[in-house]
Amino acid sequence: MANSTVWWLIAGAAIVVELLSGTVYLLLLAAGFAAAAISAHLGFGTVTQLIVASVIGVGAVLTWYSIQRKRPPAPPTEANRDVNLDIGESVHVDAWNADGTATVRYRGAQWTVVQRAGRTPSSGEHRVVEVVGSRLVVDKV
């Protein structure tokens, strides 16, 4: 069996394992294996193929890792607009209860609303900043 065929099989196996695991790192290593297969097609020796696979694969992983480290961390799920579409929506609070909660009608249902910690409750328009269980955490607009 030709070296290029072996490299293509290794790259394919890495992609299959990547699909089963859900990480991106094996996909980047598979790119290194594919580069080694291409170098085998071009007639380079086994040592060169190994160097190409390691340089491309590890280089891609390190590049991806450095890009991920520079990104700001995602907000927690309860406050992430990408996960919960209620974040950023407006509700109108008529009055607050003595225990610091209020009841509002939102999306056709009754919701319990609490003010974000450290804020004084006041009536009027509020923006949802977090959803904790069945409670909306709000800030005054």
Protein backbone atom coordinates (compact mmCIF):
# COMPACT_ATOMS: atom_id res chain seq x y z
CA MET A 1 0.00 0.00 0.00
CA ALA A 2 1.35 3.43 -0.91
CA ASN A 3 2.30 5.95 1.76
CA SER A 4 -0.25 8.42 0.45
CA THR A 5 -3.03 5.86 0.90
CA VAL A 6 -1.98 5.25 4.50
CA TRP A 7 -1.97 9.00 5.21
CA TRP A 8 -5.44 9.40 3.64
CA LEU A 9 -6.75 6.51 5.77
CA ILE A 10 -5.28 8.06 8.92
CA ALA A 11 -6.81 11.43 8.01
CA GLY A 12 -10.19 9.81 7.40
CA ALA A 13 -10.02 7.93 10.70
CA ALA A 14 -9.16 11.18 12.52
CA ILE A 15 -12.18 12.87 10.93
CA VAL A 16 -14.47 10.01 11.96
CA VAL A 17 -13.22 10.14 15.55
CA GLU A 18 -13.61 13.93 15.41
CA LEU A 19 -17.26 13.58 14.42
CA LEU A 20 -17.83 11.19 17.31
CA SER A 21 -16.04 13.32 19.91
CA GLY A 22 -17.16 16.82 18.91
CA THR A 23 -13.83 18.61 19.37
CA VAL A 24 -12.06 20.53 16.65
CA TYR A 25 -8.52 19.41 17.45
CA LEU A 26 -8.64 16.08 15.63
CA LEU A 27 -9.90 17.88 12.55
CA LEU A 28 -6.83 20.11 12.68
CA LEU A 29 -4.57 17.09 13.05
CA ALA A 30 -6.39 15.50 10.10
CA ALA A 31 -5.34 18.53 8.06
CA GLY A 32 -1.74 17.66 8.92
CA PHE A 33 -2.30 14.06 7.85
CA ALA A 34 -3.83 15.25 4.57
CA ALA A 35 -0.82 17.51 4.01
CA ALA A 36 1.43 14.48 4.54
CA ALA A 37 -0.62 12.54 2.00
CA ILE A 38 -0.18 15.35 -0.52
CA SER A 39 3.57 15.39 0.14
CA ALA A 40 3.60 11.61 -0.47
CA HIS A 41 1.81 12.20 -3.79
CA LEU A 42 4.51 14.73 -4.66
CA GLY A 43 7.19 12.06 -4.08
CA PHE A 44 8.76 13.24 -0.82
CA GLY A 45 10.28 10.66 1.50
CA THR A 46 8.79 9.24 4.67
CA VAL A 47 10.79 11.52 6.98
CA THR A 48 9.59 14.59 5.08
CA GLN A 49 6.02 13.32 5.23
CA LEU A 50 6.27 12.91 9.02
CA ILE A 51 7.71 16.40 9.37
CA VAL A 52 4.95 17.89 7.17
CA ALA A 53 2.24 16.06 9.17
CA SER A 54 3.63 17.21 12.50
CA VAL A 55 4.33 20.82 11.48
CA ILE A 56 0.94 21.35 9.82
CA GLY A 57 -1.06 19.43 12.44
CA VAL A 58 0.60 20.85 15.54
CA GLY A 59 0.81 24.31 13.97
CA ALA A 60 -2.92 24.29 13.26
CA VAL A 61 -3.71 23.14 16.80
CA LEU A 62 -1.48 25.81 18.36
CA THR A 63 -2.96 28.50 16.11
CA TRP A 64 -6.51 27.46 17.04
CA TYR A 65 -5.57 27.37 20.74
CA SER A 66 -4.09 30.88 20.63
CA ILE A 67 -7.17 32.23 18.82
CA GLN A 68 -9.47 30.68 21.44
CA ARG A 69 -7.43 32.14 24.32
CA LYS A 70 -7.77 35.65 22.89
CA ARG A 71 -11.58 35.46 22.69
CA PRO A 72 -13.52 36.78 25.66
CA PRO A 73 -15.26 34.05 27.66
CA ALA A 74 -18.93 33.48 26.92
CA PRO A 75 -21.38 34.75 29.54
CA PRO A 76 -23.00 32.11 31.75
CA THR A 77 -25.93 30.27 30.21
CA GLU A 78 -28.48 32.11 32.35
CA ALA A 79 -27.33 35.47 30.94
CA ASN A 80 -26.36 34.43 27.40
CA ARG A 81 -28.61 35.88 24.68
CA ASP A 82 -27.46 33.15 22.28
CA VAL A 83 -28.95 30.51 24.59
CA ASN A 84 -31.92 32.35 26.09
CA LEU A 85 -33.85 34.72 23.83
CA ASP A 86 -35.54 36.42 26.81
CA ILE A 87 -32.31 38.26 27.65
CA GLY A 88 -32.62 41.90 26.58
CA GLU A 89 -36.41 41.90 26.33
CA SER A 90 -38.46 44.56 28.12
CA VAL A 91 -41.09 44.05 30.82
CA HIS A 92 -43.22 46.59 32.68
CA VAL A 93 -43.29 46.31 36.48
CA ASP A 94 -46.28 48.06 38.08
CA ALA A 95 -45.39 47.46 41.74
CA TRP A 96 -42.89 45.51 43.83
CA ASN A 97 -43.82 43.22 46.72
CA ALA A 98 -42.28 43.57 50.17
CA ASP A 99 -40.09 40.49 49.56
CA GLY A 100 -38.41 42.16 46.55
CA THR A 101 -40.35 40.30 43.88
CA ALA A 102 -42.98 41.38 41.40
CA THR A 103 -45.35 39.60 39.06
CA VAL A 104 -45.53 40.62 35.42
CA ARG A 105 -47.32 39.35 32.35
CA TYR A 106 -44.70 38.37 29.80
CA ARG A 107 -45.14 36.19 26.70
CA GLY A 108 -48.70 35.34 27.68
CA ALA A 109 -47.85 34.02 31.15
CA GLN A 110 -47.31 35.28 34.68
CA TRP A 111 -43.62 35.56 35.61
CA THR A 112 -41.92 36.35 38.89
CA VAL A 113 -39.46 39.22 38.54
CA VAL A 114 -36.57 40.09 40.83
CA GLN A 115 -34.29 43.09 40.67
CA ARG A 116 -30.58 42.42 40.07
CA ALA A 117 -28.60 42.32 43.33
CA GLY A 118 -27.52 45.70 44.60
CA ARG A 119 -30.29 47.64 42.85
CA THR A 120 -33.31 49.27 44.45
CA PRO A 121 -36.68 48.17 43.05
CA SER A 122 -38.69 50.84 41.23
CA SER A 123 -41.71 50.54 38.98
CA GLY A 124 -41.61 51.12 35.24
CA GLU A 125 -39.83 49.57 32.26
CA HIS A 126 -37.16 46.98 32.99
CA ARG A 127 -34.85 44.92 30.80
CA VAL A 128 -34.35 41.19 31.39
CA VAL A 129 -30.66 40.52 32.12
CA GLU A 130 -30.85 36.93 33.35
CA VAL A 131 -33.27 34.04 33.70
CA VAL A 132 -32.86 31.96 36.86
CA GLY A 133 -35.28 29.05 36.89
CA SER A 134 -38.71 30.58 36.41
CA ARG A 135 -37.66 34.05 37.56
CA LEU A 136 -36.66 36.98 35.41
CA VAL A 137 -33.79 39.07 36.78
CA VAL A 138 -34.21 42.64 35.57
CA ASP A 139 -32.55 46.05 35.51
CA LYS A 140 -34.32 49.39 35.31
CA VAL A 141 -34.20 50.88 31.81
